Protein backbone atom coordinates (compact mmCIF):
# COMPACT_ATOMS: atom_id res chain seq x y z
CA MET A 1 90.62 40.48 94.16
CA ALA A 2 90.75 36.69 93.73
CA ASP A 3 91.87 35.17 90.43
CA PRO A 4 88.94 33.53 88.60
CA TYR A 5 89.26 29.76 88.02
CA PHE A 6 86.84 27.08 86.93
CA PHE A 7 86.67 23.41 87.89
CA GLY A 8 86.45 21.03 84.91
CA TYR A 9 85.30 17.45 85.48
CA GLY A 10 84.82 16.08 81.94
CA SER A 11 86.53 16.92 78.67
CA LEU A 12 88.29 19.87 80.32
CA VAL A 13 90.43 17.36 82.23
CA ASN A 14 91.93 16.41 78.86
CA LEU A 15 94.51 19.15 78.33
CA SER A 16 94.63 18.34 74.59
CA THR A 17 91.12 19.78 74.18
CA HIS A 18 91.87 23.33 75.29
CA ASP A 19 94.54 25.87 76.07
CA PHE A 20 93.12 27.38 79.25
CA PRO A 21 95.98 28.75 81.36
CA ASP A 22 97.41 27.27 84.56
CA PRO A 23 95.58 23.91 84.65
CA ARG A 24 96.04 22.05 87.94
CA PRO A 25 94.62 18.79 89.31
CA ALA A 26 91.95 19.45 91.92
CA ARG A 27 89.12 17.77 93.81
CA LEU A 28 85.51 18.92 94.20
CA LYS A 29 83.66 17.81 97.34
CA GLY A 30 79.88 17.42 97.44
CA TRP A 31 79.36 16.60 93.76
CA ARG A 32 79.18 13.64 91.35
CA ARG A 33 79.08 13.50 87.59
CA ALA A 34 76.10 12.27 85.58
CA TRP A 35 75.38 11.65 81.93
CA ARG A 36 72.27 13.67 81.19
CA HIS A 37 70.28 14.99 78.29
CA THR A 38 68.88 18.47 78.01
CA ASP A 39 66.81 19.97 75.21
CA LEU A 40 69.69 22.41 74.77
CA ARG A 41 71.81 19.69 73.04
CA PRO A 42 71.07 16.72 70.76
CA VAL A 43 73.14 14.14 72.69
CA ALA A 44 73.79 13.36 76.33
CA PHE A 45 76.72 15.00 78.07
CA LEU A 46 78.32 15.26 81.47
CA THR A 47 77.04 17.49 84.18
CA ALA A 48 77.86 17.84 87.85
CA VAL A 49 75.11 16.96 90.31
CA PRO A 50 75.11 17.71 94.03
CA ASP A 51 75.93 14.71 96.24
CA SER A 52 77.10 15.45 99.78
CA ALA A 53 78.73 12.00 100.09
CA SER A 54 80.85 12.25 96.95
CA GLU A 55 84.05 13.87 95.70
CA ILE A 56 85.29 14.06 92.11
CA ASP A 57 88.69 14.64 90.58
CA GLY A 58 89.08 17.27 87.92
CA MET A 59 91.17 20.22 86.76
CA ILE A 60 91.03 23.83 87.70
CA ALA A 61 92.21 26.39 85.17
CA HIS A 62 92.36 30.15 85.02
CA VAL A 63 89.50 31.89 83.27
CA PRO A 64 91.14 33.36 80.14
CA LYS A 65 91.63 37.12 80.45
CA ASN A 66 89.40 36.98 83.56
CA ASP A 67 86.49 36.88 81.09
CA TRP A 68 83.65 34.84 82.57
CA VAL A 69 81.36 35.98 79.74
CA ALA A 70 83.48 34.24 77.09
CA LEU A 71 83.71 31.05 79.17
CA ASP A 72 79.97 31.17 79.84
CA LYS A 73 79.45 31.20 76.05
CA ARG A 74 81.53 28.03 75.67
CA GLU A 75 79.58 26.38 78.49
CA TRP A 76 76.23 27.82 77.35
CA ALA A 77 74.08 24.83 78.35
CA TYR A 78 75.31 25.03 81.95
CA ASP A 79 74.86 27.40 84.86
CA ARG A 80 78.00 28.69 86.57
CA ILE A 81 77.94 27.85 90.29
CA PRO A 82 80.35 29.19 92.94
CA ALA A 83 82.47 26.33 94.32
CA THR A 84 85.57 27.88 95.88
CA GLN A 85 84.98 26.42 99.35
CA SER A 86 84.38 22.92 97.93
CA VAL A 87 87.56 22.62 95.86
CA THR A 88 90.89 21.29 97.11
CA HIS A 89 93.77 22.47 94.90
CA PRO A 90 97.51 23.16 95.04
CA LEU A 91 97.37 26.95 94.54
CA THR A 92 98.49 29.13 97.43
CA ARG A 93 97.05 32.43 96.18
CA ASP A 94 93.46 33.62 96.56
CA VAL A 95 91.23 32.17 93.81
CA ASP A 96 87.52 32.26 93.04
CA ILE A 97 86.44 28.87 91.60
CA ALA A 98 83.20 28.01 89.82
CA VAL A 99 81.80 24.76 88.46
CA TYR A 100 79.41 24.46 85.54
CA ALA A 101 76.29 22.29 85.89
CA VAL A 102 73.04 21.84 83.99
CA PRO A 103 70.13 23.06 86.12
CA HIS A 104 68.25 20.08 87.54
CA HIS A 105 64.92 21.12 86.00
CA LYS A 106 66.51 21.08 82.51
CA GLN A 107 67.93 17.54 82.79
CA THR A 108 66.54 14.19 81.71
CA ALA A 109 68.09 10.76 81.50
CA ALA A 110 70.04 9.91 78.37
CA ASN A 111 68.16 7.58 76.03
CA ALA A 112 68.29 6.01 72.55
CA ARG A 113 67.30 9.31 70.92
CA HIS A 114 69.91 11.16 73.00
CA PRO A 115 72.76 8.67 73.58
CA LEU A 116 76.22 9.11 75.04
CA LEU A 117 78.93 9.52 72.40
CA LEU A 118 81.81 7.07 72.61
CA SER A 119 84.10 9.75 71.14
CA TYR A 120 83.18 12.01 74.10
CA ILE A 121 83.76 9.22 76.63
CA ASP A 122 87.13 8.52 74.98
CA VAL A 123 88.23 12.15 75.36
CA VAL A 124 87.21 12.32 79.01
CA VAL A 125 88.79 9.01 80.00
CA GLN A 126 91.99 9.85 78.10
CA GLY A 127 92.20 13.02 80.17
CA TYR A 128 91.74 11.13 83.43
CA LEU A 129 94.28 8.49 82.44
CA ARG A 130 96.88 11.13 81.65
CA ALA A 131 96.19 13.38 84.64
CA PHE A 132 95.29 10.86 87.36
CA GLY A 133 96.44 7.45 86.04
CA ARG A 134 94.42 4.24 85.88
CA ASP A 135 93.18 4.61 89.47
CA GLY A 136 91.94 8.13 88.71
CA ALA A 137 90.20 6.95 85.55
CA ASP A 138 88.55 4.17 87.56
CA ARG A 139 87.39 6.81 90.06
CA PHE A 140 85.89 8.72 87.11
CA PHE A 141 83.77 5.69 86.20
CA ALA A 142 82.83 5.08 89.86
CA THR A 143 81.75 8.68 90.51
CA THR A 144 79.73 9.08 87.32
CA ASP A 145 76.07 8.05 86.99
CA GLY A 146 74.11 7.23 83.86
CA TRP A 147 76.16 4.38 82.42
CA GLY A 148 72.94 2.47 81.67
CA ALA A 149 72.21 4.81 78.75
CA PRO A 150 72.97 3.68 75.20
CA ILE A 151 76.44 4.64 73.94
CA LEU A 152 76.75 5.46 70.25
CA ASN A 153 79.96 4.04 68.78
CA ASP A 154 81.04 7.02 66.67
CA ARG A 155 84.79 6.33 66.79
CA ALA A 156 85.04 5.88 63.00
CA GLU A 157 83.38 9.26 62.43
CA PRO A 158 83.55 11.16 65.74
CA ARG A 159 80.66 13.51 66.44
CA TYR A 160 82.22 15.01 69.52
CA PRO A 161 83.77 18.29 68.34
CA ARG A 162 86.92 18.03 70.48
CA HIS A 163 87.56 14.34 69.86
CA GLN A 164 91.12 13.03 70.22
CA GLN A 165 93.02 10.06 68.87
CA LEU A 166 93.54 7.51 71.64
CA ARG A 167 96.52 5.20 71.93
CA SER A 168 95.61 1.53 71.73
CA ASP A 169 96.14 1.04 75.49
CA GLU A 170 93.75 3.94 76.19
CA THR A 171 91.11 2.50 73.84
CA ASP A 172 91.52 -0.91 75.50
CA PHE A 173 91.06 0.69 78.93
CA VAL A 174 87.84 2.46 77.87
CA ASP A 175 86.46 -0.67 76.23
CA ASP A 176 87.32 -2.83 79.24
CA ARG A 177 85.64 -0.47 81.71
CA LEU A 178 82.50 -0.17 79.57
CA THR A 179 82.36 -3.96 79.33
CA ARG A 180 82.63 -4.21 83.13
CA LEU A 181 79.68 -1.80 83.37
CA SER A 182 77.68 -3.91 80.88
CA ALA A 183 77.33 -0.79 78.77
CA LYS A 184 75.03 -0.96 75.78
CA ILE A 185 77.05 0.06 72.72
CA ILE A 186 75.03 0.87 69.63
CA GLN A 187 76.48 1.29 66.15
CA THR A 188 76.05 4.33 63.94
CA THR A 189 73.69 3.89 61.01
């Protein structure tokens, strides 16, 4: 029987946010990332969306204790989708890989009532910088849609539950890339 693994493409790339076993850099073909809102959560978050012309970097990790049920609870707003054949990874043993994505019919565009959280963006980009370097972090921005949505600057009081402290060079990188995207940053009230 194949070992169960999942492909993470957002905060799960940041190894400081979890202790899932055996994390490895990987690549998922046929998908992009998008910032989306769903009625299941109050703010926008990342999801994977099918795109036959795209590939995204991420991390695979072993499903703790082979317990998909527990992982499904953590990722409760997403559906688990088989992705083994679409993932390139360094493992040589037989693995069964899934990716989590919000069902298309439950997604809407992020908006002022449901903005992106800067603390969430920080965590994701920090993960890409540390795992894939500046080029990999730039690929994250390039293969993610939805940057036109408002971004709530919550750095002073992070709302993202797994927020991390960024080094000044990491903060500068995030801020520079959001400026290049002409991102609309809104302040907390």
